[in-house]
Amino acid sequence: MKRIILLIVFAFASHLATAQTDNGWQPWQKTSCYSKISFRLKYDGKNGEQHHWKIQFKSDYQNLISFNYNVTDKLQQYTITTHRKALNAKQQSDEMDIYTKEEDIFLLVDKVSMTPYPEDFIECE
C-alpha cells in the first residue's frame, strides 16, 4: 500500500514539474489525419468576452509543407478561423494567437501540400 501511495505522489509531482516547464502548453498532439504534423495549445485566459488561445505547429516532414488549419467550437457548429500555414522541414512554428467565443475548441488540419501553395494535396494517412 505504501508503494502505491508513493507511486501516486511521484506521478503527481512529475505531472506538476512537466506542466511548469511547458509554461501552460498542452502536450504535443498528432493531427487526426497527418501523423507528421503536430500541434499544441495553450489557454491564455479570457479577454473581455473572448477566450485567448495560443497555437503552435511542428512538422516532421523532410521537406516544406503547407496546410489549412481550422478552429471551431467543440460541436463544429461555428468556424472561428481558417488559415493556411507553411512550415519548412522539421520546423516548429511561432506562437499564433486565436480568440474564440467558446472555451472548448477543436482544431482540424487539412489540404496538406508539399509546396507552399494550395495545390496537389496529399491524402490523409
N, C-alpha and C. Protein backbone atom coordinates (compact mmCIF):
# COMPACT_ATOMS: atom_id res chain seq x y z
N MET A 1 0.83 -1.19 0.00
CA MET A 1 0.00 0.00 0.00
C MET A 1 0.87 1.25 0.00
N LYS A 2 1.93 1.23 0.81
CA LYS A 2 2.82 2.40 0.85
C LYS A 2 3.47 2.62 -0.50
N ARG A 3 3.78 1.54 -1.18
CA ARG A 3 4.42 1.63 -2.50
C ARG A 3 3.46 2.29 -3.50
N ILE A 4 2.18 1.94 -3.47
CA ILE A 4 1.19 2.53 -4.37
C ILE A 4 1.04 4.02 -4.10
N ILE A 5 0.94 4.40 -2.84
CA ILE A 5 0.82 5.82 -2.49
C ILE A 5 2.06 6.57 -2.95
N LEU A 6 3.23 6.00 -2.76
CA LEU A 6 4.46 6.64 -3.19
C LEU A 6 4.47 6.83 -4.70
N LEU A 7 4.02 5.84 -5.45
CA LEU A 7 3.95 5.95 -6.91
C LEU A 7 2.97 7.04 -7.34
N ILE A 8 1.83 7.14 -6.67
CA ILE A 8 0.86 8.18 -6.99
C ILE A 8 1.44 9.55 -6.71
N VAL A 9 2.09 9.72 -5.58
CA VAL A 9 2.71 11.01 -5.25
C VAL A 9 3.79 11.35 -6.27
N PHE A 10 4.60 10.37 -6.64
CA PHE A 10 5.65 10.60 -7.62
C PHE A 10 5.06 11.00 -8.97
N ALA A 11 4.01 10.31 -9.41
CA ALA A 11 3.36 10.62 -10.68
C ALA A 11 2.78 12.03 -10.65
N PHE A 12 2.15 12.42 -9.56
CA PHE A 12 1.57 13.76 -9.43
C PHE A 12 2.67 14.82 -9.45
N ALA A 13 3.78 14.57 -8.73
CA ALA A 13 4.89 15.52 -8.72
C ALA A 13 5.52 15.65 -10.11
N SER A 14 5.63 14.54 -10.82
CA SER A 14 6.17 14.59 -12.18
C SER A 14 5.26 15.39 -13.09
N HIS A 15 3.95 15.22 -12.94
CA HIS A 15 2.99 15.97 -13.75
C HIS A 15 3.12 17.47 -13.48
N LEU A 16 3.25 17.85 -12.21
CA LEU A 16 3.40 19.27 -11.88
C LEU A 16 4.69 19.83 -12.45
N ALA A 17 5.77 19.08 -12.38
CA ALA A 17 7.04 19.55 -12.93
C ALA A 17 6.95 19.74 -14.43
N THR A 18 6.28 18.82 -15.13
CA THR A 18 6.11 18.93 -16.58
C THR A 18 5.28 20.14 -16.94
N ALA A 19 4.18 20.36 -16.23
CA ALA A 19 3.30 21.50 -16.52
C ALA A 19 4.04 22.81 -16.32
N GLN A 20 4.88 22.88 -15.31
CA GLN A 20 5.61 24.12 -15.05
C GLN A 20 6.67 24.37 -16.12
N THR A 21 7.34 23.36 -16.60
CA THR A 21 8.38 23.58 -17.59
C THR A 21 7.81 23.93 -18.96
N ASP A 22 6.56 23.57 -19.23
CA ASP A 22 5.94 23.88 -20.51
C ASP A 22 5.19 25.20 -20.49
N ASN A 23 5.23 25.94 -19.39
CA ASN A 23 4.56 27.25 -19.30
C ASN A 23 3.08 27.19 -19.68
N GLY A 24 2.38 26.15 -19.31
CA GLY A 24 0.96 26.05 -19.56
C GLY A 24 0.59 25.43 -20.90
N TRP A 25 1.57 25.09 -21.72
CA TRP A 25 1.30 24.45 -23.01
C TRP A 25 0.83 23.02 -22.77
N GLN A 26 -0.18 22.60 -23.54
CA GLN A 26 -0.59 21.21 -23.52
C GLN A 26 0.47 20.39 -24.25
N PRO A 27 0.51 19.08 -24.02
CA PRO A 27 1.49 18.25 -24.74
C PRO A 27 1.24 18.28 -26.25
N TRP A 28 2.30 18.03 -27.02
CA TRP A 28 2.17 17.95 -28.48
C TRP A 28 1.23 16.81 -28.82
N GLN A 29 0.34 17.05 -29.80
CA GLN A 29 -0.60 16.04 -30.27
C GLN A 29 -0.47 15.92 -31.79
N LYS A 30 -0.56 14.69 -32.27
CA LYS A 30 -0.59 14.47 -33.72
C LYS A 30 -1.95 14.91 -34.24
N THR A 31 -1.98 15.43 -35.44
CA THR A 31 -3.28 15.75 -36.04
C THR A 31 -4.01 14.44 -36.35
N SER A 32 -5.30 14.51 -36.49
CA SER A 32 -6.09 13.30 -36.66
C SER A 32 -5.83 12.61 -38.00
N CYS A 33 -5.29 13.32 -38.96
CA CYS A 33 -5.16 12.75 -40.30
C CYS A 33 -3.70 12.65 -40.77
N TYR A 34 -2.84 13.50 -40.30
CA TYR A 34 -1.45 13.55 -40.77
C TYR A 34 -0.51 13.36 -39.58
N SER A 35 0.10 12.19 -39.50
CA SER A 35 0.90 11.84 -38.33
C SER A 35 2.21 12.63 -38.22
N LYS A 36 2.61 13.30 -39.28
CA LYS A 36 3.86 14.06 -39.25
C LYS A 36 3.63 15.55 -38.99
N ILE A 37 2.40 15.92 -38.67
CA ILE A 37 2.09 17.30 -38.27
C ILE A 37 1.53 17.24 -36.86
N SER A 38 2.15 17.96 -35.95
CA SER A 38 1.71 18.01 -34.56
C SER A 38 1.33 19.44 -34.20
N PHE A 39 0.52 19.56 -33.14
CA PHE A 39 0.15 20.88 -32.65
C PHE A 39 0.07 20.84 -31.13
N ARG A 40 0.11 22.01 -30.56
CA ARG A 40 -0.15 22.14 -29.13
C ARG A 40 -0.87 23.45 -28.88
N LEU A 41 -1.64 23.47 -27.81
CA LEU A 41 -2.46 24.62 -27.46
C LEU A 41 -2.08 25.13 -26.07
N LYS A 42 -2.32 26.39 -25.88
CA LYS A 42 -2.13 27.00 -24.56
C LYS A 42 -3.29 27.95 -24.33
N TYR A 43 -4.03 27.73 -23.26
CA TYR A 43 -5.13 28.63 -22.92
C TYR A 43 -4.55 29.79 -22.14
N ASP A 44 -4.77 31.00 -22.64
CA ASP A 44 -4.18 32.19 -22.03
C ASP A 44 -5.19 33.02 -21.25
N GLY A 45 -6.39 32.48 -21.04
CA GLY A 45 -7.38 33.16 -20.23
C GLY A 45 -8.42 33.89 -21.06
N LYS A 46 -9.28 34.58 -20.36
CA LYS A 46 -10.37 35.29 -21.01
C LYS A 46 -10.01 36.77 -21.13
N ASN A 47 -10.27 37.33 -22.31
CA ASN A 47 -10.04 38.74 -22.59
C ASN A 47 -11.39 39.37 -22.91
N GLY A 48 -12.01 40.01 -21.95
CA GLY A 48 -13.35 40.54 -22.17
C GLY A 48 -14.33 39.40 -22.39
N GLU A 49 -14.97 39.37 -23.55
CA GLU A 49 -15.93 38.33 -23.89
C GLU A 49 -15.28 37.14 -24.62
N GLN A 50 -14.00 37.25 -24.95
CA GLN A 50 -13.35 36.22 -25.76
C GLN A 50 -12.30 35.45 -24.97
N HIS A 51 -12.14 34.17 -25.35
CA HIS A 51 -11.10 33.32 -24.78
C HIS A 51 -9.87 33.43 -25.67
N HIS A 52 -8.71 33.56 -25.03
CA HIS A 52 -7.45 33.72 -25.76
C HIS A 52 -6.68 32.41 -25.74
N TRP A 53 -6.32 31.92 -26.93
CA TRP A 53 -5.55 30.69 -27.10
C TRP A 53 -4.27 30.99 -27.86
N LYS A 54 -3.25 30.21 -27.61
CA LYS A 54 -2.04 30.22 -28.42
C LYS A 54 -1.91 28.84 -29.05
N ILE A 55 -1.50 28.81 -30.32
CA ILE A 55 -1.34 27.56 -31.06
C ILE A 55 0.05 27.52 -31.66
N GLN A 56 0.65 26.35 -31.64
CA GLN A 56 1.92 26.10 -32.34
C GLN A 56 1.81 24.81 -33.12
N PHE A 57 2.49 24.76 -34.26
CA PHE A 57 2.55 23.56 -35.08
C PHE A 57 4.00 23.14 -35.22
N LYS A 58 4.23 21.86 -35.49
CA LYS A 58 5.57 21.41 -35.88
C LYS A 58 5.42 20.31 -36.92
N SER A 59 6.39 20.27 -37.80
CA SER A 59 6.39 19.33 -38.91
C SER A 59 7.51 18.32 -38.73
N ASP A 60 7.20 17.06 -39.00
CA ASP A 60 8.22 16.01 -39.02
C ASP A 60 8.50 15.57 -40.45
N TYR A 61 7.98 16.32 -41.43
CA TYR A 61 8.27 16.02 -42.83
C TYR A 61 9.70 16.42 -43.17
N GLN A 62 10.27 15.77 -44.18
CA GLN A 62 11.65 16.04 -44.60
C GLN A 62 11.72 17.19 -45.61
N ASN A 63 10.59 17.78 -45.95
CA ASN A 63 10.56 18.87 -46.92
C ASN A 63 9.50 19.89 -46.49
N LEU A 64 9.46 21.00 -47.20
CA LEU A 64 8.48 22.04 -46.94
C LEU A 64 7.07 21.50 -47.14
N ILE A 65 6.15 21.93 -46.28
CA ILE A 65 4.74 21.59 -46.43
C ILE A 65 3.91 22.85 -46.21
N SER A 66 2.68 22.81 -46.67
CA SER A 66 1.70 23.84 -46.32
C SER A 66 0.38 23.13 -46.04
N PHE A 67 -0.46 23.76 -45.24
CA PHE A 67 -1.72 23.13 -44.86
C PHE A 67 -2.70 24.20 -44.36
N ASN A 68 -3.98 23.84 -44.39
CA ASN A 68 -5.01 24.67 -43.79
C ASN A 68 -5.22 24.20 -42.36
N TYR A 69 -5.51 25.14 -41.47
CA TYR A 69 -5.98 24.75 -40.15
C TYR A 69 -7.24 25.54 -39.83
N ASN A 70 -8.20 24.83 -39.28
CA ASN A 70 -9.50 25.39 -38.95
C ASN A 70 -9.71 25.25 -37.46
N VAL A 71 -10.15 26.30 -36.83
CA VAL A 71 -10.51 26.25 -35.42
C VAL A 71 -12.02 26.42 -35.34
N THR A 72 -12.67 25.46 -34.67
CA THR A 72 -14.13 25.51 -34.50
C THR A 72 -14.45 25.26 -33.03
N ASP A 73 -15.71 25.47 -32.68
CA ASP A 73 -16.12 25.08 -31.35
C ASP A 73 -16.20 23.55 -31.31
N LYS A 74 -16.31 22.99 -30.13
CA LYS A 74 -16.29 21.53 -29.97
C LYS A 74 -17.40 20.85 -30.77
N LEU A 75 -18.53 21.50 -30.95
CA LEU A 75 -19.63 20.90 -31.70
C LEU A 75 -19.47 21.10 -33.20
N GLN A 76 -18.47 21.84 -33.60
CA GLN A 76 -18.16 22.15 -35.00
C GLN A 76 -19.31 22.87 -35.69
N GLN A 77 -20.02 23.69 -34.92
CA GLN A 77 -21.11 24.48 -35.49
C GLN A 77 -20.59 25.80 -36.05
N TYR A 78 -19.58 26.36 -35.42
CA TYR A 78 -19.09 27.67 -35.81
C TYR A 78 -17.61 27.59 -36.14
N THR A 79 -17.25 27.92 -37.37
CA THR A 79 -15.83 28.01 -37.73
C THR A 79 -15.34 29.35 -37.21
N ILE A 80 -14.32 29.29 -36.38
CA ILE A 80 -13.79 30.51 -35.78
C ILE A 80 -12.75 31.14 -36.68
N THR A 81 -11.91 30.30 -37.27
CA THR A 81 -10.88 30.82 -38.17
C THR A 81 -10.41 29.72 -39.10
N THR A 82 -9.99 30.11 -40.29
CA THR A 82 -9.34 29.20 -41.23
C THR A 82 -8.14 29.94 -41.79
N HIS A 83 -6.99 29.34 -41.69
CA HIS A 83 -5.75 29.94 -42.19
C HIS A 83 -4.94 28.89 -42.92
N ARG A 84 -3.98 29.34 -43.70
CA ARG A 84 -3.02 28.45 -44.36
C ARG A 84 -1.66 28.72 -43.74
N LYS A 85 -0.93 27.66 -43.47
CA LYS A 85 0.38 27.75 -42.81
C LYS A 85 1.39 26.95 -43.61
N ALA A 86 2.59 27.49 -43.76
CA ALA A 86 3.70 26.77 -44.40
C ALA A 86 4.80 26.57 -43.36
N LEU A 87 5.39 25.38 -43.38
CA LEU A 87 6.50 25.05 -42.48
C LEU A 87 7.61 24.39 -43.27
N ASN A 88 8.83 24.78 -43.00
CA ASN A 88 9.98 24.11 -43.60
C ASN A 88 10.18 22.75 -42.94
N ALA A 89 11.04 21.94 -43.49
CA ALA A 89 11.32 20.61 -42.95
C ALA A 89 11.71 20.69 -41.49
N LYS A 90 11.07 19.85 -40.68
CA LYS A 90 11.38 19.73 -39.25
C LYS A 90 11.25 21.05 -38.49
N GLN A 91 10.43 21.95 -38.96
CA GLN A 91 10.29 23.27 -38.34
C GLN A 91 9.14 23.31 -37.34
N GLN A 92 9.32 24.13 -36.30
CA GLN A 92 8.27 24.43 -35.34
C GLN A 92 7.84 25.87 -35.58
N SER A 93 6.54 26.12 -35.62
CA SER A 93 6.04 27.47 -35.90
C SER A 93 6.19 28.38 -34.70
N ASP A 94 6.08 29.66 -34.95
CA ASP A 94 5.96 30.63 -33.87
C ASP A 94 4.58 30.47 -33.24
N GLU A 95 4.40 31.06 -32.08
CA GLU A 95 3.09 31.06 -31.43
C GLU A 95 2.12 31.91 -32.25
N MET A 96 0.89 31.43 -32.39
CA MET A 96 -0.15 32.18 -33.08
C MET A 96 -1.29 32.39 -32.10
N ASP A 97 -1.87 33.58 -32.09
CA ASP A 97 -2.97 33.90 -31.19
C ASP A 97 -4.31 33.64 -31.87
N ILE A 98 -5.22 33.03 -31.13
CA ILE A 98 -6.58 32.79 -31.59
C ILE A 98 -7.52 33.26 -30.49
N TYR A 99 -8.58 33.96 -30.88
CA TYR A 99 -9.59 34.41 -29.93
C TYR A 99 -10.91 33.74 -30.28
N THR A 100 -11.56 33.15 -29.27
CA THR A 100 -12.79 32.39 -29.51
C THR A 100 -13.88 32.82 -28.54
N LYS A 101 -15.11 32.59 -28.96
CA LYS A 101 -16.25 32.87 -28.09
C LYS A 101 -16.41 31.77 -27.05
N GLU A 102 -16.17 30.53 -27.47
CA GLU A 102 -16.31 29.37 -26.59
C GLU A 102 -14.95 28.98 -26.02
N GLU A 103 -14.96 28.40 -24.83
CA GLU A 103 -13.71 27.95 -24.23
C GLU A 103 -13.24 26.63 -24.81
N ASP A 104 -14.18 25.77 -25.22
CA ASP A 104 -13.83 24.48 -25.81
C ASP A 104 -13.69 24.64 -27.31
N ILE A 105 -12.54 24.25 -27.84
CA ILE A 105 -12.31 24.39 -29.28
C ILE A 105 -11.83 23.07 -29.87
N PHE A 106 -11.92 22.98 -31.18
CA PHE A 106 -11.49 21.81 -31.94
C PHE A 106 -10.62 22.30 -33.08
N LEU A 107 -9.50 21.63 -33.34
CA LEU A 107 -8.57 22.03 -34.39
C LEU A 107 -8.55 20.96 -35.47
N LEU A 108 -8.70 21.38 -36.73
CA LEU A 108 -8.68 20.47 -37.86
C LEU A 108 -7.61 20.93 -38.84
N VAL A 109 -6.75 20.01 -39.27
CA VAL A 109 -5.72 20.29 -40.28
C VAL A 109 -6.10 19.52 -41.53
N ASP A 110 -6.11 20.21 -42.69
CA ASP A 110 -6.41 19.54 -43.94
C ASP A 110 -5.71 20.25 -45.10
N LYS A 111 -5.92 19.75 -46.30
CA LYS A 111 -5.36 20.29 -47.53
C LYS A 111 -3.84 20.49 -47.44
N VAL A 112 -3.17 19.39 -47.04
CA VAL A 112 -1.71 19.39 -46.92
C VAL A 112 -1.11 19.25 -48.30
N SER A 113 -0.10 20.07 -48.56
CA SER A 113 0.59 20.06 -49.85
C SER A 113 2.10 20.08 -49.61
N MET A 114 2.85 19.50 -50.52
CA MET A 114 4.31 19.51 -50.43
C MET A 114 4.89 20.74 -51.14
N THR A 115 4.08 21.75 -51.30
CA THR A 115 4.50 23.02 -51.88
C THR A 115 3.97 24.14 -50.98
N PRO A 116 4.43 25.34 -51.17
CA PRO A 116 3.87 26.44 -50.36
C PRO A 116 2.48 26.88 -50.83
N TYR A 117 1.96 26.25 -51.86
CA TYR A 117 0.70 26.66 -52.47
C TYR A 117 -0.39 25.62 -52.21
N PRO A 118 -1.64 26.03 -52.20
CA PRO A 118 -2.73 25.06 -52.00
C PRO A 118 -3.02 24.29 -53.29
N GLU A 119 -2.16 23.31 -53.58
CA GLU A 119 -2.30 22.50 -54.79
C GLU A 119 -1.74 21.11 -54.54
N ASP A 120 -2.14 20.15 -55.35
CA ASP A 120 -1.62 18.78 -55.26
C ASP A 120 -1.65 18.25 -53.83
N PHE A 121 -2.81 18.25 -53.24
CA PHE A 121 -2.98 17.84 -51.83
C PHE A 121 -2.64 16.37 -51.66
N ILE A 122 -2.02 16.06 -50.53
CA ILE A 122 -1.73 14.66 -50.22
C ILE A 122 -2.90 14.06 -49.45
N GLU A 123 -3.07 12.76 -49.60
CA GLU A 123 -4.18 12.05 -48.97
C GLU A 123 -3.95 11.93 -47.46
N CYS A 124 -5.03 11.81 -46.75
CA CYS A 124 -5.00 11.55 -45.32
C CYS A 124 -4.32 10.20 -45.09
N GLU A 125 -3.49 10.12 -44.09
CA GLU A 125 -2.75 8.89 -43.80
C GLU A 125 -3.60 7.88 -43.06
